[in-house]
Protein backbone atom coordinates (compact mmCIF):
# COMPACT_ATOMS: atom_id res chain seq x y z
CA UNK A 1 0.00 0.00 0.00
CA UNK A 2 1.40 3.41 -1.01
CA UNK A 3 1.68 6.38 1.36
CA UNK A 4 1.41 8.83 -1.56
CA UNK A 5 -1.92 10.68 -1.52
CA UNK A 6 -4.12 10.56 -4.60
CA UNK A 7 -4.45 14.35 -4.69
CA UNK A 8 -2.84 17.40 -3.20
CA UNK A 9 -4.60 20.65 -2.29
CA UNK A 10 -3.41 23.69 -4.25
CA UNK A 11 -4.24 27.23 -3.06
CA UNK A 12 -4.05 30.08 -5.57
CA UNK A 13 -3.26 33.43 -3.98
CA UNK A 14 -4.23 36.23 -3.81
CA UNK A 15 -7.64 34.90 -4.90
CA UNK A 16 -7.99 32.17 -2.26
CA UNK A 17 -9.13 29.62 -4.84
CA UNK A 18 -8.34 25.96 -4.27
CA UNK A 19 -8.12 22.92 -6.50
CA UNK A 20 -6.96 19.31 -6.27
CA UNK A 21 -3.99 18.03 -8.27
CA UNK A 22 -2.84 14.46 -8.66
CA UNK A 23 0.88 13.74 -8.87
CA UNK A 24 0.29 12.44 -12.42
CA UNK A 25 -0.89 15.76 -13.86
CA UNK A 26 0.76 19.13 -14.27
CA UNK A 27 -0.47 22.00 -12.14
CA UNK A 28 -1.66 23.76 -15.29
CA UNK A 29 -3.79 20.72 -16.28
CA UNK A 30 -5.21 20.33 -12.77
CA UNK A 31 -6.09 24.02 -12.51
CA UNK A 32 -7.87 24.00 -15.87
CA UNK A 33 -9.84 20.88 -14.87
CA UNK A 34 -11.01 22.83 -11.80
CA UNK A 35 -12.05 25.87 -13.84
CA UNK A 36 -9.02 28.01 -12.99
CA UNK A 37 -7.01 29.46 -15.86
CA UNK A 38 -3.36 30.05 -15.08
CA UNK A 39 -1.37 32.15 -17.57
CA UNK A 40 0.27 29.89 -20.17
CA UNK A 41 1.51 29.74 -23.73
CA UNK A 42 3.98 27.04 -24.80
CA UNK A 43 3.10 24.38 -22.17
CA UNK A 44 6.59 22.87 -22.42
CA UNK A 45 8.61 24.92 -19.93
CA UNK A 46 10.38 27.29 -22.30
CA UNK A 47 8.33 30.49 -22.73
CA UNK A 48 8.00 31.27 -18.98
CA UNK A 49 4.50 32.74 -19.39
CA UNK A 50 3.20 30.56 -16.56
CA UNK A 51 6.03 31.34 -14.12
CA UNK A 52 4.70 31.95 -10.62
CA UNK A 53 5.95 32.03 -7.06
CA UNK A 54 5.46 28.92 -4.95
CA UNK A 55 4.97 30.09 -1.37
CA UNK A 56 4.76 26.63 0.14
CA UNK A 57 5.14 23.00 -0.82
CA UNK A 58 7.25 20.98 -3.25
CA UNK A 59 6.96 20.09 -6.94
CA UNK A 60 8.69 17.78 -9.38
CA UNK A 61 9.30 18.55 -13.04
CA UNK A 62 8.60 16.52 -16.17
CA UNK A 63 12.05 17.56 -17.45
CA UNK A 64 15.49 17.76 -15.89
CA UNK A 65 15.89 21.54 -16.04
CA UNK A 66 12.88 23.70 -16.95
CA UNK A 67 13.31 27.29 -18.22
CA UNK A 68 14.19 28.80 -14.85
CA UNK A 69 17.51 30.14 -13.64
CA UNK A 70 19.14 28.65 -10.56
CA UNK A 71 18.35 31.91 -8.74
CA UNK A 72 14.67 31.82 -9.73
CA UNK A 73 14.34 28.23 -8.54
CA UNK A 74 16.08 29.20 -5.30
CA UNK A 75 13.59 32.05 -4.78
CA UNK A 76 10.67 29.63 -5.19
CA UNK A 77 9.57 30.31 -8.75
CA UNK A 78 8.05 27.40 -10.67
CA UNK A 79 6.60 26.66 -14.11
CA UNK A 80 3.15 25.07 -13.59
CA UNK A 81 2.99 23.83 -17.19
CA UNK A 82 5.70 21.23 -16.48
CA UNK A 83 5.46 20.90 -12.68
CA UNK A 84 3.49 18.35 -10.67
CA UNK A 85 2.66 18.57 -6.99
CA UNK A 86 4.56 16.45 -4.49
CA UNK A 87 2.72 18.03 -1.56
CA UNK A 88 0.00 20.57 -0.85
CA UNK A 89 1.00 23.89 -2.45
CA UNK A 90 0.44 27.61 -2.12
CA UNK A 91 0.96 29.50 -5.39
CA UNK A 92 1.03 33.25 -5.91
CA UNK A 93 -0.66 33.80 -9.30
CA UNK A 94 -2.27 37.28 -9.44
CA UNK A 95 -3.13 36.87 -13.16
CA UNK A 96 -5.13 33.64 -12.62
CA UNK A 97 -8.76 33.76 -13.72
CA UNK A 98 -11.88 31.64 -13.40
CA UNK A 99 -12.90 30.00 -16.66
CA UNK A 100 -16.29 30.76 -18.13
CA UNK A 101 -18.47 27.63 -18.44
PDB file of N, CA and C in Angstrom:
ATOM      1  N   UNK A   1       0.844  -1.187   0.000  1.00  0.00           N
ATOM      2  CA  UNK A   1       0.000   0.000   0.000  1.00  0.00           C
ATOM      3  C   UNK A   1       0.881   1.238   0.000  1.00  0.00           C
ATOM      4  N   UNK A   2       0.598   2.206  -0.859  1.00  0.00           N
ATOM      5  CA  UNK A   2       1.403   3.414  -1.008  1.00  0.00           C
ATOM      6  C   UNK A   2       0.974   4.488  -0.010  1.00  0.00           C
ATOM      7  N   UNK A   3       1.960   5.258   0.471  1.00  0.00           N
ATOM      8  CA  UNK A   3       1.678   6.379   1.362  1.00  0.00           C
ATOM      9  C   UNK A   3       1.480   7.675   0.585  1.00  0.00           C
ATOM     10  N   UNK A   4       1.577   7.636  -0.737  1.00  0.00           N
ATOM     11  CA  UNK A   4       1.415   8.833  -1.562  1.00  0.00           C
ATOM     12  C   UNK A   4      -0.070   9.126  -1.716  1.00  0.00           C
ATOM     13  N   UNK A   5      -0.495  10.361  -1.371  1.00  0.00           N
ATOM     14  CA  UNK A   5      -1.917  10.681  -1.517  1.00  0.00           C
ATOM     15  C   UNK A   5      -2.325  10.727  -2.986  1.00  0.00           C
ATOM     16  N   UNK A   6      -3.616  10.504  -3.234  1.00  0.00           N
ATOM     17  CA  UNK A   6      -4.121  10.558  -4.600  1.00  0.00           C
ATOM     18  C   UNK A   6      -4.119  11.981  -5.138  1.00  0.00           C
ATOM     19  N   UNK A   7      -4.383  12.950  -4.288  1.00  0.00           N
ATOM     20  CA  UNK A   7      -4.453  14.346  -4.693  1.00  0.00           C
ATOM     21  C   UNK A   7      -3.841  15.241  -3.631  1.00  0.00           C
ATOM     22  N   UNK A   8      -3.350  16.371  -4.097  1.00  0.00           N
ATOM     23  CA  UNK A   8      -2.842  17.401  -3.200  1.00  0.00           C
ATOM     24  C   UNK A   8      -3.721  18.632  -3.340  1.00  0.00           C
ATOM     25  N   UNK A   9      -3.808  19.423  -2.280  1.00  0.00           N
ATOM     26  CA  UNK A   9      -4.596  20.645  -2.287  1.00  0.00           C
ATOM     27  C   UNK A   9      -3.707  21.818  -2.717  1.00  0.00           C
ATOM     28  N   UNK A  10      -4.152  22.559  -3.734  1.00  0.00           N
ATOM     29  CA  UNK A  10      -3.409  23.692  -4.251  1.00  0.00           C
ATOM     30  C   UNK A  10      -4.217  24.953  -3.976  1.00  0.00           C
ATOM     31  N   UNK A  11      -3.595  25.939  -3.336  1.00  0.00           N
ATOM     32  CA  UNK A  11      -4.237  27.226  -3.059  1.00  0.00           C
ATOM     33  C   UNK A  11      -3.624  28.256  -3.992  1.00  0.00           C
ATOM     34  N   UNK A  12      -4.495  29.040  -4.647  1.00  0.00           N
ATOM     35  CA  UNK A  12      -4.050  30.082  -5.568  1.00  0.00           C
ATOM     36  C   UNK A  12      -4.282  31.433  -4.896  1.00  0.00           C
ATOM     37  N   UNK A  13      -3.186  32.093  -4.566  1.00  0.00           N
ATOM     38  CA  UNK A  13      -3.258  33.429  -3.977  1.00  0.00           C
ATOM     39  C   UNK A  13      -3.039  34.469  -5.058  1.00  0.00           C
ATOM     40  N   UNK A  14      -3.531  35.640  -4.951  1.00  0.00           N
ATOM     41  CA  UNK A  14      -4.230  36.230  -3.811  1.00  0.00           C
ATOM     42  C   UNK A  14      -5.728  35.938  -3.795  1.00  0.00           C
ATOM     43  N   UNK A  15      -6.211  35.129  -4.727  1.00  0.00           N
ATOM     44  CA  UNK A  15      -7.642  34.895  -4.896  1.00  0.00           C
ATOM     45  C   UNK A  15      -8.256  33.995  -3.824  1.00  0.00           C
ATOM     46  N   UNK A  16      -7.464  33.103  -3.249  1.00  0.00           N
ATOM     47  CA  UNK A  16      -7.988  32.173  -2.260  1.00  0.00           C
ATOM     48  C   UNK A  16      -8.656  30.958  -2.869  1.00  0.00           C
ATOM     49  N   UNK A  17      -8.538  30.784  -4.178  1.00  0.00           N
ATOM     50  CA  UNK A  17      -9.131  29.622  -4.845  1.00  0.00           C
ATOM     51  C   UNK A  17      -8.328  28.374  -4.518  1.00  0.00           C
ATOM     52  N   UNK A  18      -9.003  27.231  -4.535  1.00  0.00           N
ATOM     53  CA  UNK A  18      -8.341  25.962  -4.272  1.00  0.00           C
ATOM     54  C   UNK A  18      -8.737  24.941  -5.329  1.00  0.00           C
ATOM     55  N   UNK A  19      -7.811  24.035  -5.614  1.00  0.00           N
ATOM     56  CA  UNK A  19      -8.116  22.922  -6.503  1.00  0.00           C
ATOM     57  C   UNK A  19      -7.269  21.727  -6.103  1.00  0.00           C
ATOM     58  N   UNK A  20      -7.689  20.544  -6.554  1.00  0.00           N
ATOM     59  CA  UNK A  20      -6.961  19.311  -6.272  1.00  0.00           C
ATOM     60  C   UNK A  20      -6.096  18.967  -7.473  1.00  0.00           C
ATOM     61  N   UNK A  21      -4.902  18.452  -7.198  1.00  0.00           N
ATOM     62  CA  UNK A  21      -3.989  18.033  -8.266  1.00  0.00           C
ATOM     63  C   UNK A  21      -3.414  16.670  -7.918  1.00  0.00           C
ATOM     64  N   UNK A  22      -3.469  15.756  -8.868  1.00  0.00           N
ATOM     65  CA  UNK A  22      -2.841  14.456  -8.658  1.00  0.00           C
ATOM     66  C   UNK A  22      -1.374  14.564  -9.053  1.00  0.00           C
ATOM     67  N   UNK A  23      -0.533  13.710  -8.501  1.00  0.00           N
ATOM     68  CA  UNK A  23       0.883  13.738  -8.867  1.00  0.00           C
ATOM     69  C   UNK A  23       1.129  13.413 -10.342  1.00  0.00           C
ATOM     70  N   UNK A  24       0.134  12.839 -11.021  1.00  0.00           N
ATOM     71  CA  UNK A  24       0.295  12.437 -12.418  1.00  0.00           C
ATOM     72  C   UNK A  24      -0.020  13.554 -13.414  1.00  0.00           C
ATOM     73  N   UNK A  25      -0.545  14.681 -12.940  1.00  0.00           N
ATOM     74  CA  UNK A  25      -0.893  15.762 -13.861  1.00  0.00           C
ATOM     75  C   UNK A  25      -0.108  17.024 -13.522  1.00  0.00           C
ATOM     76  N   UNK A  26       0.074  17.865 -14.540  1.00  0.00           N
ATOM     77  CA  UNK A  26       0.759  19.128 -14.268  1.00  0.00           C
ATOM     78  C   UNK A  26      -0.201  20.044 -13.515  1.00  0.00           C
ATOM     79  N   UNK A  27       0.356  21.028 -12.867  1.00  0.00           N
ATOM     80  CA  UNK A  27      -0.468  21.999 -12.142  1.00  0.00           C
ATOM     81  C   UNK A  27      -1.366  22.771 -13.101  1.00  0.00           C
ATOM     82  N   UNK A  28      -0.866  23.059 -14.283  1.00  0.00           N
ATOM     83  CA  UNK A  28      -1.665  23.755 -15.293  1.00  0.00           C
ATOM     84  C   UNK A  28      -2.885  22.918 -15.683  1.00  0.00           C
ATOM     85  N   UNK A  29      -2.688  21.613 -15.927  1.00  0.00           N
ATOM     86  CA  UNK A  29      -3.790  20.715 -16.278  1.00  0.00           C
ATOM     87  C   UNK A  29      -4.805  20.613 -15.142  1.00  0.00           C
ATOM     88  N   UNK A  30      -4.316  20.473 -13.921  1.00  0.00           N
ATOM     89  CA  UNK A  30      -5.205  20.329 -12.768  1.00  0.00           C
ATOM     90  C   UNK A  30      -6.018  21.599 -12.534  1.00  0.00           C
ATOM     91  N   UNK A  31      -5.373  22.751 -12.686  1.00  0.00           N
ATOM     92  CA  UNK A  31      -6.088  24.017 -12.506  1.00  0.00           C
ATOM     93  C   UNK A  31      -7.193  24.156 -13.549  1.00  0.00           C
ATOM     94  N   UNK A  32      -6.863  23.876 -14.794  1.00  0.00           N
ATOM     95  CA  UNK A  32      -7.870  23.996 -15.873  1.00  0.00           C
ATOM     96  C   UNK A  32      -9.042  23.057 -15.633  1.00  0.00           C
ATOM     97  N   UNK A  33      -8.768  21.845 -15.157  1.00  0.00           N
ATOM     98  CA  UNK A  33      -9.840  20.884 -14.872  1.00  0.00           C
ATOM     99  C   UNK A  33     -10.763  21.407 -13.773  1.00  0.00           C
ATOM    100  N   UNK A  34     -10.222  22.267 -12.895  1.00  0.00           N
ATOM    101  CA  UNK A  34     -11.006  22.827 -11.796  1.00  0.00           C
ATOM    102  C   UNK A  34     -11.627  24.178 -12.157  1.00  0.00           C
ATOM    103  N   UNK A  35     -11.458  24.614 -13.412  1.00  0.00           N
ATOM    104  CA  UNK A  35     -12.052  25.871 -13.836  1.00  0.00           C
ATOM    105  C   UNK A  35     -11.216  27.099 -13.524  1.00  0.00           C
ATOM    106  N   UNK A  36      -9.932  26.898 -13.268  1.00  0.00           N
ATOM    107  CA  UNK A  36      -9.021  28.008 -12.990  1.00  0.00           C
ATOM    108  C   UNK A  36      -8.024  28.091 -14.134  1.00  0.00           C
ATOM    109  N   UNK A  37      -7.915  29.261 -14.728  1.00  0.00           N
ATOM    110  CA  UNK A  37      -7.010  29.462 -15.856  1.00  0.00           C
ATOM    111  C   UNK A  37      -5.758  30.178 -15.366  1.00  0.00           C
ATOM    112  N   UNK A  38      -4.642  29.452 -15.407  1.00  0.00           N
ATOM    113  CA  UNK A  38      -3.355  30.052 -15.080  1.00  0.00           C
ATOM    114  C   UNK A  38      -2.746  30.558 -16.385  1.00  0.00           C
ATOM    115  N   UNK A  39      -2.003  31.666 -16.343  1.00  0.00           N
ATOM    116  CA  UNK A  39      -1.367  32.151 -17.571  1.00  0.00           C
ATOM    117  C   UNK A  39      -0.513  31.043 -18.180  1.00  0.00           C
ATOM    118  N   UNK A  40      -0.545  30.905 -19.506  1.00  0.00           N
ATOM    119  CA  UNK A  40       0.270  29.887 -20.173  1.00  0.00           C
ATOM    120  C   UNK A  40       0.380  30.211 -21.652  1.00  0.00           C
ATOM    121  N   UNK A  41       1.353  29.598 -22.295  1.00  0.00           N
ATOM    122  CA  UNK A  41       1.510  29.740 -23.733  1.00  0.00           C
ATOM    123  C   UNK A  41       2.054  28.446 -24.318  1.00  0.00           C
ATOM    124  N   UNK A  42       3.346  28.173 -24.125  1.00  0.00           N
ATOM    125  CA  UNK A  42       3.984  27.036 -24.799  1.00  0.00           C
ATOM    126  C   UNK A  42       3.625  25.678 -24.203  1.00  0.00           C
ATOM    127  N   UNK A  43       3.412  25.616 -22.910  1.00  0.00           N
ATOM    128  CA  UNK A  43       3.100  24.381 -22.171  1.00  0.00           C
ATOM    129  C   UNK A  43       4.223  23.354 -22.185  1.00  0.00           C
ATOM    130  N   UNK A  44       5.463  23.817 -22.456  1.00  0.00           N
ATOM    131  CA  UNK A  44       6.588  22.875 -22.423  1.00  0.00           C
ATOM    132  C   UNK A  44       7.782  23.395 -21.624  1.00  0.00           C
ATOM    133  N   UNK A  45       7.572  24.449 -20.837  1.00  0.00           N
ATOM    134  CA  UNK A  45       8.612  24.921 -19.933  1.00  0.00           C
ATOM    135  C   UNK A  45       9.636  25.857 -20.526  1.00  0.00           C
ATOM    136  N   UNK A  46       9.378  26.416 -21.702  1.00  0.00           N
ATOM    137  CA  UNK A  46      10.382  27.292 -22.300  1.00  0.00           C
ATOM    138  C   UNK A  46       9.987  28.761 -22.350  1.00  0.00           C
ATOM    139  N   UNK A  47       8.711  29.082 -22.517  1.00  0.00           N
ATOM    140  CA  UNK A  47       8.330  30.487 -22.727  1.00  0.00           C
ATOM    141  C   UNK A  47       8.259  31.294 -21.429  1.00  0.00           C
ATOM    142  N   UNK A  48       8.043  30.654 -20.294  1.00  0.00           N
ATOM    143  CA  UNK A  48       7.998  31.271 -18.979  1.00  0.00           C
ATOM    144  C   UNK A  48       6.731  32.089 -18.711  1.00  0.00           C
ATOM    145  N   UNK A  49       5.748  32.008 -19.590  1.00  0.00           N
ATOM    146  CA  UNK A  49       4.500  32.742 -19.391  1.00  0.00           C
ATOM    147  C   UNK A  49       3.815  32.330 -18.095  1.00  0.00           C
ATOM    148  N   UNK A  50       3.903  31.071 -17.735  1.00  0.00           N
ATOM    149  CA  UNK A  50       3.201  30.557 -16.557  1.00  0.00           C
ATOM    150  C   UNK A  50       3.978  30.725 -15.250  1.00  0.00           C
ATOM    151  N   UNK A  51       5.184  31.250 -15.307  1.00  0.00           N
ATOM    152  CA  UNK A  51       6.033  31.343 -14.118  1.00  0.00           C
ATOM    153  C   UNK A  51       5.286  32.018 -12.966  1.00  0.00           C
ATOM    154  N   UNK A  52       5.330  31.384 -11.808  1.00  0.00           N
ATOM    155  CA  UNK A  52       4.696  31.946 -10.618  1.00  0.00           C
ATOM    156  C   UNK A  52       5.521  31.583  -9.390  1.00  0.00           C
ATOM    157  N   UNK A  53       5.220  32.248  -8.299  1.00  0.00           N
ATOM    158  CA  UNK A  53       5.945  32.031  -7.056  1.00  0.00           C
ATOM    159  C   UNK A  53       5.240  30.975  -6.214  1.00  0.00           C
ATOM    160  N   UNK A  54       5.976  29.948  -5.842  1.00  0.00           N
ATOM    161  CA  UNK A  54       5.461  28.921  -4.950  1.00  0.00           C
ATOM    162  C   UNK A  54       5.797  29.353  -3.531  1.00  0.00           C
ATOM    163  N   UNK A  55       4.767  29.602  -2.727  1.00  0.00           N
ATOM    164  CA  UNK A  55       4.971  30.090  -1.367  1.00  0.00           C
ATOM    165  C   UNK A  55       4.990  28.976  -0.334  1.00  0.00           C
ATOM    166  N   UNK A  56       4.718  27.770  -0.762  1.00  0.00           N
ATOM    167  CA  UNK A  56       4.759  26.633   0.138  1.00  0.00           C
ATOM    168  C   UNK A  56       4.567  25.349  -0.622  1.00  0.00           C
ATOM    169  N   UNK A  57       5.278  24.303  -0.211  1.00  0.00           N
ATOM    170  CA  UNK A  57       5.140  22.996  -0.822  1.00  0.00           C
ATOM    171  C   UNK A  57       6.323  22.620  -1.698  1.00  0.00           C
ATOM    172  N   UNK A  58       6.190  21.457  -2.364  1.00  0.00           N
ATOM    173  CA  UNK A  58       7.247  20.978  -3.251  1.00  0.00           C
ATOM    174  C   UNK A  58       6.629  20.444  -4.537  1.00  0.00           C
ATOM    175  N   UNK A  59       7.395  20.587  -5.633  1.00  0.00           N
ATOM    176  CA  UNK A  59       6.964  20.091  -6.940  1.00  0.00           C
ATOM    177  C   UNK A  59       8.068  19.251  -7.550  1.00  0.00           C
ATOM    178  N   UNK A  60       7.699  18.473  -8.553  1.00  0.00           N
ATOM    179  CA  UNK A  60       8.690  17.780  -9.385  1.00  0.00           C
ATOM    180  C   UNK A  60       8.410  18.202 -10.818  1.00  0.00           C
ATOM    181  N   UNK A  61       9.433  18.120 -11.646  1.00  0.00           N
ATOM    182  CA  UNK A  61       9.305  18.552 -13.035  1.00  0.00           C
ATOM    183  C   UNK A  61       9.315  17.371 -13.988  1.00  0.00           C
ATOM    184  N   UNK A  62       8.632  17.546 -15.122  1.00  0.00           N
ATOM    185  CA  UNK A  62       8.598  16.521 -16.166  1.00  0.00           C
ATOM    186  C   UNK A  62       9.909  16.486 -16.947  1.00  0.00           C
ATOM    187  N   UNK A  63      10.769  17.485 -16.743  1.00  0.00           N
ATOM    188  CA  UNK A  63      12.045  17.564 -17.451  1.00  0.00           C
ATOM    189  C   UNK A  63      13.148  17.856 -16.446  1.00  0.00           C
ATOM    190  N   UNK A  64      14.387  17.600 -16.826  1.00  0.00           N
ATOM    191  CA  UNK A  64      15.493  17.763 -15.892  1.00  0.00           C
ATOM    192  C   UNK A  64      15.687  19.213 -15.469  1.00  0.00           C
ATOM    193  N   UNK A  65      15.660  20.148 -16.402  1.00  0.00           N
ATOM    194  CA  UNK A  65      15.888  21.542 -16.043  1.00  0.00           C
ATOM    195  C   UNK A  65      14.951  22.442 -16.838  1.00  0.00           C
ATOM    196  N   UNK A  66      13.808  22.826 -16.243  1.00  0.00           N
ATOM    197  CA  UNK A  66      12.879  23.705 -16.955  1.00  0.00           C
ATOM    198  C   UNK A  66      13.483  25.102 -17.133  1.00  0.00           C
ATOM    199  N   UNK A  67      12.809  25.963 -17.866  1.00  0.00           N
ATOM    200  CA  UNK A  67      13.312  27.288 -18.218  1.00  0.00           C
ATOM    201  C   UNK A  67      13.369  28.282 -17.085  1.00  0.00           C
ATOM    202  N   UNK A  68      13.988  27.908 -15.986  1.00  0.00           N
ATOM    203  CA  UNK A  68      14.195  28.799 -14.845  1.00  0.00           C
ATOM    204  C   UNK A  68      15.673  28.866 -14.527  1.00  0.00           C
ATOM    205  N   UNK A  69      16.122  30.036 -14.080  1.00  0.00           N
ATOM    206  CA  UNK A  69      17.509  30.140 -13.640  1.00  0.00           C
ATOM    207  C   UNK A  69      17.650  29.502 -12.260  1.00  0.00           C
ATOM    208  N   UNK A  70      18.864  29.211 -11.892  1.00  0.00           N
ATOM    209  CA  UNK A  70      19.137  28.654 -10.557  1.00  0.00           C
ATOM    210  C   UNK A  70      18.621  29.610  -9.473  1.00  0.00           C
ATOM    211  N   UNK A  71      18.797  30.904  -9.709  1.00  0.00           N
ATOM    212  CA  UNK A  71      18.347  31.912  -8.743  1.00  0.00           C
ATOM    213  C   UNK A  71      16.824  31.918  -8.621  1.00  0.00           C
ATOM    214  N   UNK A  72      16.129  31.847  -9.757  1.00  0.00           N
ATOM    215  CA  UNK A  72      14.665  31.822  -9.729  1.00  0.00           C
ATOM    216  C   UNK A  72      14.160  30.588  -8.987  1.00  0.00           C
ATOM    217  N   UNK A  73      14.744  29.447  -9.257  1.00  0.00           N
ATOM    218  CA  UNK A  73      14.341  28.231  -8.539  1.00  0.00           C
ATOM    219  C   UNK A  73      14.605  28.397  -7.041  1.00  0.00           C
ATOM    220  N   UNK A  74      15.736  28.983  -6.701  1.00  0.00           N
ATOM    221  CA  UNK A  74      16.077  29.204  -5.304  1.00  0.00           C
ATOM    222  C   UNK A  74      15.113  30.147  -4.600  1.00  0.00           C
ATOM    223  N   UNK A  75      14.550  31.093  -5.344  1.00  0.00           N
ATOM    224  CA  UNK A  75      13.595  32.048  -4.779  1.00  0.00           C
ATOM    225  C   UNK A  75      12.186  31.472  -4.696  1.00  0.00           C
ATOM    226  N   UNK A  76      11.976  30.286  -5.288  1.00  0.00           N
ATOM    227  CA  UNK A  76      10.674  29.627  -5.193  1.00  0.00           C
ATOM    228  C   UNK A  76       9.816  29.713  -6.431  1.00  0.00           C
ATOM    229  N   UNK A  77      10.351  30.236  -7.528  1.00  0.00           N
ATOM    230  CA  UNK A  77       9.565  30.314  -8.754  1.00  0.00           C
ATOM    231  C   UNK A  77       9.458  28.937  -9.403  1.00  0.00           C
ATOM    232  N   UNK A  78       8.290  28.672  -9.989  1.00  0.00           N
ATOM    233  CA  UNK A  78       8.048  27.400 -10.670  1.00  0.00           C
ATOM    234  C   UNK A  78       7.362  27.658 -12.012  1.00  0.00           C
ATOM    235  N   UNK A  79       7.326  26.629 -12.838  1.00  0.00           N
ATOM    236  CA  UNK A  79       6.603  26.661 -14.114  1.00  0.00           C
ATOM    237  C   UNK A  79       5.494  25.615 -14.037  1.00  0.00           C
ATOM    238  N   UNK A  80       4.249  26.026 -13.749  1.00  0.00           N
ATOM    239  CA  UNK A  80       3.146  25.074 -13.588  1.00  0.00           C
ATOM    240  C   UNK A  80       2.855  24.207 -14.807  1.00  0.00           C
ATOM    241  N   UNK A  81       3.288  24.625 -15.996  1.00  0.00           N
ATOM    242  CA  UNK A  81       2.991  23.829 -17.191  1.00  0.00           C
ATOM    243  C   UNK A  81       3.776  22.527 -17.231  1.00  0.00           C
ATOM    244  N   UNK A  82       4.882  22.449 -16.494  1.00  0.00           N
ATOM    245  CA  UNK A  82       5.700  21.234 -16.484  1.00  0.00           C
ATOM    246  C   UNK A  82       5.980  20.737 -15.063  1.00  0.00           C
ATOM    247  N   UNK A  83       5.262  21.285 -14.075  1.00  0.00           N
ATOM    248  CA  UNK A  83       5.461  20.903 -12.677  1.00  0.00           C
ATOM    249  C   UNK A  83       4.254  20.136 -12.154  1.00  0.00           C
ATOM    250  N   UNK A  84       4.525  19.127 -11.347  1.00  0.00           N
ATOM    251  CA  UNK A  84       3.486  18.351 -10.674  1.00  0.00           C
ATOM    252  C   UNK A  84       3.691  18.463  -9.175  1.00  0.00           C
ATOM    253  N   UNK A  85       2.601  18.452  -8.443  1.00  0.00           N
ATOM    254  CA  UNK A  85       2.660  18.574  -6.988  1.00  0.00           C
ATOM    255  C   UNK A  85       3.234  17.320  -6.343  1.00  0.00           C
ATOM    256  N   UNK A  86       4.080  17.534  -5.356  1.00  0.00           N
ATOM    257  CA  UNK A  86       4.562  16.446  -4.487  1.00  0.00           C
ATOM    258  C   UNK A  86       4.030  16.632  -3.072  1.00  0.00           C
ATOM    259  N   UNK A  87       3.312  17.727  -2.855  1.00  0.00           N
ATOM    260  CA  UNK A  87       2.717  18.032  -1.558  1.00  0.00           C
ATOM    261  C   UNK A  87       1.617  19.065  -1.788  1.00  0.00           C
ATOM    262  N   UNK A  88       0.915  19.443  -0.741  1.00  0.00           N
ATOM    263  CA  UNK A  88       0.003  20.574  -0.847  1.00  0.00           C
ATOM    264  C   UNK A  88       0.841  21.801  -1.205  1.00  0.00           C
ATOM    265  N   UNK A  89       0.254  22.727  -1.970  1.00  0.00           N
ATOM    266  CA  UNK A  89       0.995  23.892  -2.453  1.00  0.00           C
ATOM    267  C   UNK A  89       0.231  25.179  -2.213  1.00  0.00           C
ATOM    268  N   UNK A  90       0.989  26.264  -2.101  1.00  0.00           N
ATOM    269  CA  UNK A  90       0.437  27.610  -2.117  1.00  0.00           C
ATOM    270  C   UNK A  90       1.163  28.339  -3.231  1.00  0.00           C
ATOM    271  N   UNK A  91       0.395  28.811  -4.232  1.00  0.00           N
ATOM    272  CA  UNK A  91       0.957  29.496  -5.387  1.00  0.00           C
ATOM    273  C   UNK A  91       0.487  30.934  -5.428  1.00  0.00           C
ATOM    274  N   UNK A  92       1.380  31.855  -5.728  1.00  0.00           N
ATOM    275  CA  UNK A  92       1.028  33.255  -5.906  1.00  0.00           C
ATOM    276  C   UNK A  92       0.891  33.500  -7.404  1.00  0.00           C
ATOM    277  N   UNK A  93      -0.374  33.629  -7.872  1.00  0.00           N
ATOM    278  CA  UNK A  93      -0.656  33.800  -9.301  1.00  0.00           C
ATOM    279  C   UNK A  93      -1.706  34.908  -9.461  1.00  0.00           C
ATOM    280  N   UNK A  94      -1.294  36.183  -9.338  1.00  0.00           N
ATOM    281  CA  UNK A  94      -2.270  37.280  -9.440  1.00  0.00           C
ATOM    282  C   UNK A  94      -3.049  37.304 -10.752  1.00  0.00           C
ATOM    283  N   UNK A  95      -2.466  36.829 -11.852  1.00  0.00           N
ATOM    284  CA  UNK A  95      -3.130  36.870 -13.158  1.00  0.00           C
ATOM    285  C   UNK A  95      -4.064  35.685 -13.407  1.00  0.00           C
ATOM    286  N   UNK A  96      -4.220  34.781 -12.445  1.00  0.00           N
ATOM    287  CA  UNK A  96      -5.126  33.645 -12.616  1.00  0.00           C
ATOM    288  C   UNK A  96      -6.565  34.149 -12.753  1.00  0.00           C
ATOM    289  N   UNK A  97      -7.362  33.395 -13.505  1.00  0.00           N
ATOM    290  CA  UNK A  97      -8.763  33.757 -13.718  1.00  0.00           C
ATOM    291  C   UNK A  97      -9.636  32.511 -13.581  1.00  0.00           C
ATOM    292  N   UNK A  98     -10.899  32.724 -13.353  1.00  0.00           N
ATOM    293  CA  UNK A  98     -11.878  31.638 -13.396  1.00  0.00           C
ATOM    294  C   UNK A  98     -12.315  31.471 -14.838  1.00  0.00           C
ATOM    295  N   UNK A  99     -12.441  30.226 -15.298  1.00  0.00           N
ATOM    296  CA  UNK A  99     -12.895  30.002 -16.664  1.00  0.00           C
ATOM    297  C   UNK A  99     -14.410  30.193 -16.730  1.00  0.00           C
ATOM    298  N   UNK A 100     -14.854  30.564 -17.902  1.00  0.00           N
ATOM    299  CA  UNK A 100     -16.292  30.758 -18.131  1.00  0.00           C
ATOM    300  C   UNK A 100     -16.866  29.440 -18.646  1.00  0.00           C
ATOM    301  N   UNK A 101     -17.915  28.914 -18.002  1.00  0.00           N
ATOM    302  CA  UNK A 101     -18.469  27.633 -18.437  1.00  0.00           C
ATOM    303  C   UNK A 101     -19.077  27.682 -19.819  1.00  0.00           C
TER     304      UNK A 101
END
